[in-house]
Amino acid sequence: MAMPSMMCTCCTARITRTPRGQGASAAATVAYWLGNPAINPAVLVFLIMVAPWQWAATQVAAGVVLVVGVSVLVA
C-alpha cells in the first residue's frame, strides 16, 4: 500500500485514518504513511536536478528499507 504520491507526512497522516477505520491492516497503513514522504516523486526529481544522482539513489534505497522494515515490525 506504499504507493508514492505527492504528499508530505502531515497530509498522509490525515488520510491514513480512513483505511485504518475501514479495516486495513496496521502494516499497510504504516507503509502508506511512511512511503509517501520517503519516496515522493517530486522530491526525487528535485534531488536529481540539484544533487548528484547518488543522493537520489540513497533516498530511494533508504525509503524502501524504512517502509518495508517498519511495516514488517508493525505486522
N, C-alpha and C. Protein backbone atom coordinates (compact mmCIF):
# COMPACT_ATOMS: atom_id res chain seq x y z
N MET A 1 0.82 -1.19 0.00
CA MET A 1 0.00 0.00 0.00
C MET A 1 0.87 1.26 0.00
N ALA A 2 2.17 1.12 -0.09
CA ALA A 2 3.06 2.29 -0.04
C ALA A 2 3.28 2.86 -1.42
N MET A 3 2.22 3.31 -2.04
CA MET A 3 2.38 3.92 -3.36
C MET A 3 2.87 5.35 -3.19
N PRO A 4 3.90 5.70 -3.92
CA PRO A 4 4.40 7.07 -3.78
C PRO A 4 3.47 8.07 -4.48
N SER A 5 3.17 9.12 -3.79
CA SER A 5 2.37 10.20 -4.36
C SER A 5 2.95 11.51 -3.87
N MET A 6 2.38 12.59 -4.27
CA MET A 6 2.94 13.91 -3.96
C MET A 6 2.41 14.44 -2.63
N MET A 7 2.63 13.71 -1.56
CA MET A 7 2.16 14.16 -0.26
C MET A 7 3.28 14.12 0.77
N CYS A 8 3.19 15.03 1.71
CA CYS A 8 4.15 15.05 2.81
C CYS A 8 3.55 14.26 3.99
N THR A 9 4.28 14.18 5.06
CA THR A 9 3.84 13.42 6.22
C THR A 9 2.56 13.99 6.83
N CYS A 10 2.45 15.30 6.89
CA CYS A 10 1.28 15.90 7.53
C CYS A 10 0.00 15.61 6.73
N CYS A 11 0.10 15.54 5.42
CA CYS A 11 -1.08 15.23 4.60
C CYS A 11 -1.46 13.76 4.70
N THR A 12 -0.47 12.88 4.66
CA THR A 12 -0.78 11.45 4.71
C THR A 12 -1.26 11.02 6.09
N ALA A 13 -0.87 11.73 7.14
CA ALA A 13 -1.33 11.37 8.48
C ALA A 13 -2.84 11.47 8.59
N ARG A 14 -3.41 12.45 7.95
CA ARG A 14 -4.87 12.60 7.96
C ARG A 14 -5.56 11.55 7.12
N ILE A 15 -4.94 11.18 6.01
CA ILE A 15 -5.55 10.23 5.09
C ILE A 15 -5.47 8.80 5.63
N THR A 16 -4.47 8.48 6.41
CA THR A 16 -4.30 7.10 6.90
C THR A 16 -5.40 6.70 7.88
N ARG A 17 -6.10 7.63 8.43
CA ARG A 17 -7.18 7.28 9.35
C ARG A 17 -8.33 6.57 8.64
N THR A 18 -8.59 6.91 7.38
CA THR A 18 -9.72 6.31 6.67
C THR A 18 -9.51 4.82 6.38
N PRO A 19 -8.38 4.41 5.75
CA PRO A 19 -8.22 2.97 5.52
C PRO A 19 -8.15 2.17 6.82
N ARG A 20 -7.51 2.73 7.83
CA ARG A 20 -7.42 2.03 9.12
C ARG A 20 -8.80 1.85 9.72
N GLY A 21 -9.64 2.85 9.60
CA GLY A 21 -11.01 2.77 10.11
C GLY A 21 -11.87 1.80 9.34
N GLN A 22 -11.50 1.54 8.08
CA GLN A 22 -12.27 0.61 7.25
C GLN A 22 -11.70 -0.79 7.25
N GLY A 23 -10.73 -1.05 8.13
CA GLY A 23 -10.25 -2.42 8.28
C GLY A 23 -8.91 -2.74 7.65
N ALA A 24 -8.20 -1.76 7.14
CA ALA A 24 -6.88 -2.03 6.58
C ALA A 24 -5.93 -2.40 7.72
N SER A 25 -4.96 -3.23 7.41
CA SER A 25 -4.03 -3.65 8.45
C SER A 25 -3.13 -2.50 8.88
N ALA A 26 -2.59 -2.62 10.07
CA ALA A 26 -1.70 -1.59 10.59
C ALA A 26 -0.44 -1.50 9.74
N ALA A 27 0.06 -2.63 9.26
CA ALA A 27 1.28 -2.63 8.44
C ALA A 27 1.05 -1.88 7.13
N ALA A 28 -0.09 -2.09 6.50
CA ALA A 28 -0.39 -1.39 5.25
C ALA A 28 -0.56 0.11 5.48
N THR A 29 -1.18 0.46 6.57
CA THR A 29 -1.38 1.87 6.89
C THR A 29 -0.06 2.57 7.17
N VAL A 30 0.81 1.92 7.92
CA VAL A 30 2.13 2.49 8.21
C VAL A 30 2.96 2.59 6.93
N ALA A 31 2.86 1.60 6.06
CA ALA A 31 3.60 1.63 4.80
C ALA A 31 3.15 2.82 3.95
N TYR A 32 1.86 3.07 3.92
CA TYR A 32 1.35 4.23 3.16
C TYR A 32 1.83 5.53 3.80
N TRP A 33 1.74 5.62 5.11
CA TRP A 33 2.10 6.84 5.83
C TRP A 33 3.58 7.17 5.67
N LEU A 34 4.44 6.18 5.70
CA LEU A 34 5.88 6.41 5.56
C LEU A 34 6.33 6.45 4.10
N GLY A 35 5.64 5.74 3.23
CA GLY A 35 6.05 5.65 1.84
C GLY A 35 5.87 6.93 1.05
N ASN A 36 4.86 7.68 1.36
CA ASN A 36 4.62 8.91 0.61
C ASN A 36 5.72 9.94 0.78
N PRO A 37 6.11 10.32 1.97
CA PRO A 37 7.19 11.31 2.07
C PRO A 37 8.56 10.72 1.76
N ALA A 38 8.77 9.43 2.02
CA ALA A 38 10.09 8.84 1.81
C ALA A 38 10.40 8.60 0.34
N ILE A 39 9.37 8.31 -0.45
CA ILE A 39 9.57 8.00 -1.87
C ILE A 39 8.77 8.99 -2.73
N ASN A 40 8.72 10.23 -2.33
CA ASN A 40 7.97 11.27 -3.01
C ASN A 40 8.63 11.58 -4.37
N PRO A 41 7.90 11.40 -5.47
CA PRO A 41 8.49 11.63 -6.80
C PRO A 41 8.98 13.07 -7.01
N ALA A 42 8.27 14.05 -6.46
CA ALA A 42 8.69 15.44 -6.63
C ALA A 42 10.03 15.69 -5.95
N VAL A 43 10.21 15.14 -4.77
CA VAL A 43 11.48 15.29 -4.06
C VAL A 43 12.60 14.58 -4.82
N LEU A 44 12.31 13.41 -5.34
CA LEU A 44 13.34 12.66 -6.08
C LEU A 44 13.77 13.39 -7.35
N VAL A 45 12.81 13.95 -8.09
CA VAL A 45 13.15 14.70 -9.30
C VAL A 45 13.97 15.94 -8.95
N PHE A 46 13.56 16.66 -7.93
CA PHE A 46 14.31 17.83 -7.49
C PHE A 46 15.72 17.44 -7.04
N LEU A 47 15.82 16.34 -6.34
CA LEU A 47 17.11 15.88 -5.85
C LEU A 47 18.03 15.49 -7.02
N ILE A 48 17.48 14.88 -8.03
CA ILE A 48 18.27 14.51 -9.21
C ILE A 48 18.75 15.76 -9.95
N MET A 49 17.92 16.81 -9.97
CA MET A 49 18.29 18.02 -10.70
C MET A 49 19.37 18.84 -9.99
N VAL A 50 19.38 18.84 -8.65
CA VAL A 50 20.30 19.72 -7.93
C VAL A 50 21.45 19.01 -7.23
N ALA A 51 21.39 17.71 -7.13
CA ALA A 51 22.42 16.98 -6.40
C ALA A 51 22.92 15.81 -7.25
N PRO A 52 24.01 15.21 -6.85
CA PRO A 52 24.48 14.02 -7.57
C PRO A 52 23.44 12.90 -7.52
N TRP A 53 23.43 12.07 -8.54
CA TRP A 53 22.44 11.01 -8.63
C TRP A 53 22.54 10.03 -7.47
N GLN A 54 23.70 9.94 -6.84
CA GLN A 54 23.87 9.03 -5.72
C GLN A 54 22.97 9.42 -4.54
N TRP A 55 22.72 10.71 -4.38
CA TRP A 55 21.85 11.15 -3.30
C TRP A 55 20.42 10.67 -3.52
N ALA A 56 19.97 10.74 -4.75
CA ALA A 56 18.62 10.27 -5.06
C ALA A 56 18.54 8.76 -4.89
N ALA A 57 19.58 8.05 -5.30
CA ALA A 57 19.59 6.60 -5.12
C ALA A 57 19.58 6.23 -3.64
N THR A 58 20.31 6.99 -2.85
CA THR A 58 20.32 6.75 -1.41
C THR A 58 18.95 7.03 -0.81
N GLN A 59 18.29 8.09 -1.26
CA GLN A 59 16.94 8.42 -0.78
C GLN A 59 15.97 7.29 -1.10
N VAL A 60 16.02 6.76 -2.30
CA VAL A 60 15.12 5.67 -2.69
C VAL A 60 15.42 4.42 -1.86
N ALA A 61 16.70 4.07 -1.76
CA ALA A 61 17.06 2.87 -1.00
C ALA A 61 16.67 3.00 0.47
N ALA A 62 16.96 4.14 1.07
CA ALA A 62 16.60 4.34 2.48
C ALA A 62 15.08 4.34 2.66
N GLY A 63 14.36 4.93 1.70
CA GLY A 63 12.90 4.94 1.78
C GLY A 63 12.30 3.56 1.70
N VAL A 64 12.81 2.75 0.80
CA VAL A 64 12.30 1.38 0.65
C VAL A 64 12.62 0.57 1.90
N VAL A 65 13.85 0.68 2.41
CA VAL A 65 14.23 -0.05 3.62
C VAL A 65 13.36 0.40 4.80
N LEU A 66 13.14 1.71 4.92
CA LEU A 66 12.31 2.24 6.00
C LEU A 66 10.88 1.71 5.92
N VAL A 67 10.29 1.79 4.75
CA VAL A 67 8.89 1.37 4.59
C VAL A 67 8.74 -0.13 4.84
N VAL A 68 9.60 -0.92 4.21
CA VAL A 68 9.49 -2.38 4.37
C VAL A 68 9.84 -2.79 5.81
N GLY A 69 10.92 -2.22 6.34
CA GLY A 69 11.35 -2.60 7.69
C GLY A 69 10.32 -2.27 8.75
N VAL A 70 9.81 -1.06 8.73
CA VAL A 70 8.82 -0.67 9.75
C VAL A 70 7.52 -1.42 9.55
N SER A 71 7.12 -1.66 8.33
CA SER A 71 5.89 -2.42 8.08
C SER A 71 6.00 -3.85 8.60
N VAL A 72 7.16 -4.45 8.41
CA VAL A 72 7.37 -5.80 8.93
C VAL A 72 7.35 -5.80 10.46
N LEU A 73 7.98 -4.79 11.06
CA LEU A 73 7.96 -4.71 12.52
C LEU A 73 6.55 -4.51 13.07
N VAL A 74 5.75 -3.71 12.38
CA VAL A 74 4.38 -3.46 12.83
C VAL A 74 3.53 -4.71 12.67
N ALA A 75 3.76 -5.43 11.57
CA ALA A 75 2.97 -6.64 11.31
C ALA A 75 3.33 -7.71 12.30
